[in-house]
C-alpha atoms as a PDB file:
ATOM      1  CA  MET A   1      84.029 110.278 115.857  1.00  0.00           C
ATOM      2  CA  SER A   2      81.239 108.368 114.120  1.00  0.00           C
ATOM      3  CA  ILE A   3      81.449 104.589 113.223  1.00  0.00           C
ATOM      4  CA  LEU A   4      80.960 105.703 109.597  1.00  0.00           C
ATOM      5  CA  ASP A   5      84.086 107.820 109.654  1.00  0.00           C
ATOM      6  CA  ASN A   6      86.370 104.815 109.519  1.00  0.00           C
ATOM      7  CA  PHE A   7      85.743 101.897 107.056  1.00  0.00           C
ATOM      8  CA  GLU A   8      87.609  99.455 109.013  1.00  0.00           C
ATOM      9  CA  GLN A   9      85.480 100.211 112.139  1.00  0.00           C
ATOM     10  CA  TRP A  10      82.353 100.190 109.979  1.00  0.00           C
ATOM     11  CA  LYS A  11      83.258  96.645 108.728  1.00  0.00           C
ATOM     12  CA  ASP A  12      83.862  95.440 112.330  1.00  0.00           C
ATOM     13  CA  PHE A  13      80.467  96.844 113.356  1.00  0.00           C
ATOM     14  CA  LEU A  14      78.734  95.074 110.477  1.00  0.00           C
ATOM     15  CA  GLY A  15      80.591  91.850 111.217  1.00  0.00           C
ATOM     16  CA  ASP A  16      79.554  91.911 114.791  1.00  0.00           C
ATOM     17  CA  ARG A  17      75.949  92.491 113.631  1.00  0.00           C
ATOM     18  CA  LEU A  18      76.131  89.769 111.050  1.00  0.00           C
ATOM     19  CA  HIS A  19      77.477  87.287 113.702  1.00  0.00           C
ATOM     20  CA  ALA A  20      74.723  88.241 116.074  1.00  0.00           C
ATOM     21  CA  ALA A  21      72.047  87.755 113.449  1.00  0.00           C
ATOM     22  CA  GLN A  22      73.524  84.398 112.592  1.00  0.00           C
ATOM     23  CA  GLU A  23      73.601  83.349 116.226  1.00  0.00           C
ATOM     24  CA  GLU A  24      69.956  84.258 116.641  1.00  0.00           C
ATOM     25  CA  GLY A  25      69.159  81.918 113.576  1.00  0.00           C
ATOM     26  CA  MET A  26      68.589  84.343 110.869  1.00  0.00           C
ATOM     27  CA  THR A  27      68.667  82.702 107.518  1.00  0.00           C
ATOM     28  CA  GLN A  28      71.112  83.941 104.859  1.00  0.00           C
ATOM     29  CA  GLU A  29      68.155  84.968 102.740  1.00  0.00           C
ATOM     30  CA  VAL A  30      66.806  87.208 105.529  1.00  0.00           C
ATOM     31  CA  ILE A  31      70.346  88.642 106.270  1.00  0.00           C
ATOM     32  CA  ASN A  32      70.816  89.539 102.547  1.00  0.00           C
ATOM     33  CA  GLU A  33      67.403  91.232 102.467  1.00  0.00           C
ATOM     34  CA  MET A  34      68.168  93.258 105.483  1.00  0.00           C
ATOM     35  CA  ALA A  35      71.528  94.210 104.019  1.00  0.00           C
ATOM     36  CA  TYR A  36      69.730  95.414 100.884  1.00  0.00           C
ATOM     37  CA  ARG A  37      67.285  97.392 102.844  1.00  0.00           C
ATOM     38  CA  ILE A  38      70.145  99.038 104.937  1.00  0.00           C
ATOM     39  CA  GLY A  39      72.133  99.818 101.903  1.00  0.00           C
ATOM     40  CA  ASP A  40      69.090 101.351 100.201  1.00  0.00           C
ATOM     41  CA  TYR A  41      68.471 103.527 103.418  1.00  0.00           C
ATOM     42  CA  LEU A  42      72.256 104.503 103.578  1.00  0.00           C
ATOM     43  CA  ALA A  43      72.534 105.474  99.941  1.00  0.00           C
ATOM     44  CA  ALA A  44      69.476 107.717 100.273  1.00  0.00           C
ATOM     45  CA  GLU A  45      69.825 109.181 103.561  1.00  0.00           C
ATOM     46  CA  VAL A  46      73.470 109.194 104.842  1.00  0.00           C
ATOM     47  CA  ASP A  47      76.260 111.315 103.452  1.00  0.00           C
ATOM     48  CA  PRO A  48      79.498 109.091 102.754  1.00  0.00           C
ATOM     49  CA  LYS A  49      82.208 109.813 105.249  1.00  0.00           C
ATOM     50  CA  ASN A  50      85.185 108.357 103.444  1.00  0.00           C
ATOM     51  CA  GLY A  51      86.276 107.211  99.979  1.00  0.00           C
ATOM     52  CA  GLU A  52      85.056 103.653 100.361  1.00  0.00           C
ATOM     53  CA  GLU A  53      81.462 104.825 101.364  1.00  0.00           C
ATOM     54  CA  ARG A  54      81.459 107.299  98.386  1.00  0.00           C
ATOM     55  CA  LEU A  55      82.387 104.514  96.088  1.00  0.00           C
ATOM     56  CA  LEU A  56      79.711 102.281  97.537  1.00  0.00           C
ATOM     57  CA  LYS A  57      77.136 104.909  97.190  1.00  0.00           C
ATOM     58  CA  ALA A  58      78.108 105.662  93.542  1.00  0.00           C
ATOM     59  CA  LEU A  59      77.942 101.925  92.743  1.00  0.00           C
ATOM     60  CA  TRP A  60      74.497 101.750  94.406  1.00  0.00           C
ATOM     61  CA  GLU A  61      73.215 104.648  92.515  1.00  0.00           C
ATOM     62  CA  VAL A  62      74.083 103.336  89.029  1.00  0.00           C
ATOM     63  CA  GLY A  63      73.041  99.743  89.739  1.00  0.00           C
ATOM     64  CA  SER A  64      69.784  98.156  89.003  1.00  0.00           C
ATOM     65  CA  GLU A  65      67.791  96.687  91.800  1.00  0.00           C
ATOM     66  CA  GLU A  66      69.360  93.329  91.108  1.00  0.00           C
ATOM     67  CA  GLU A  67      72.823  94.779  91.087  1.00  0.00           C
ATOM     68  CA  GLN A  68      72.006  96.557  94.374  1.00  0.00           C
ATOM     69  CA  LYS A  69      71.077  93.320  95.904  1.00  0.00           C
ATOM     70  CA  MET A  70      74.200  91.699  94.751  1.00  0.00           C
ATOM     71  CA  LEU A  71      76.219  94.604  96.078  1.00  0.00           C
ATOM     72  CA  ALA A  72      74.532  94.086  99.499  1.00  0.00           C
ATOM     73  CA  GLN A  73      75.289  90.288  99.348  1.00  0.00           C
ATOM     74  CA  LEU A  74      78.941  91.160  98.629  1.00  0.00           C
ATOM     75  CA  MET A  75      79.099  93.395 101.556  1.00  0.00           C
ATOM     76  CA  VAL A  76      77.759  90.604 103.805  1.00  0.00           C
ATOM     77  CA  LYS A  77      80.568  88.380 102.473  1.00  0.00           C
ATOM     78  CA  LEU A  78      83.094  91.097 102.938  1.00  0.00           C
ATOM     79  CA  VAL A  79      82.290  91.402 106.629  1.00  0.00           C
ATOM     80  CA  GLN A  80      81.695  87.700 107.439  1.00  0.00           C
ATOM     81  CA  ASN A  81      85.174  87.488 108.934  1.00  0.00           C
ATOM     82  CA  GLU A  82      85.274  90.896 110.515  1.00  0.00           C
ATOM     83  CA  GLY A  83      84.074  92.151 113.872  1.00  0.00           C
ATOM     84  CA  THR A  84      85.411  91.993 117.378  1.00  0.00           C
ATOM     85  CA  THR A  85      83.530  88.780 118.276  1.00  0.00           C
ATOM     86  CA  HIS A  86      84.496  86.299 115.689  1.00  0.00           C
END
């Protein structure tokens, strides 16, 4: 089973990566930019595995670049209290 198959596991995975980035001293601006780039890649290259991912992809596809960046920032906020190491 892939990490992308279960949205809760995906959020934990992202939360762990966010905490690691923060511990390494990455600024919020850099984290948000990385989230945007990852979101852009996932929307273009990865088939959604569940309903939540299908919704995120649909929102990404209809959004302007500014809206996509806001969606990426919201995903960062969503996972800030997730993960196995918080």
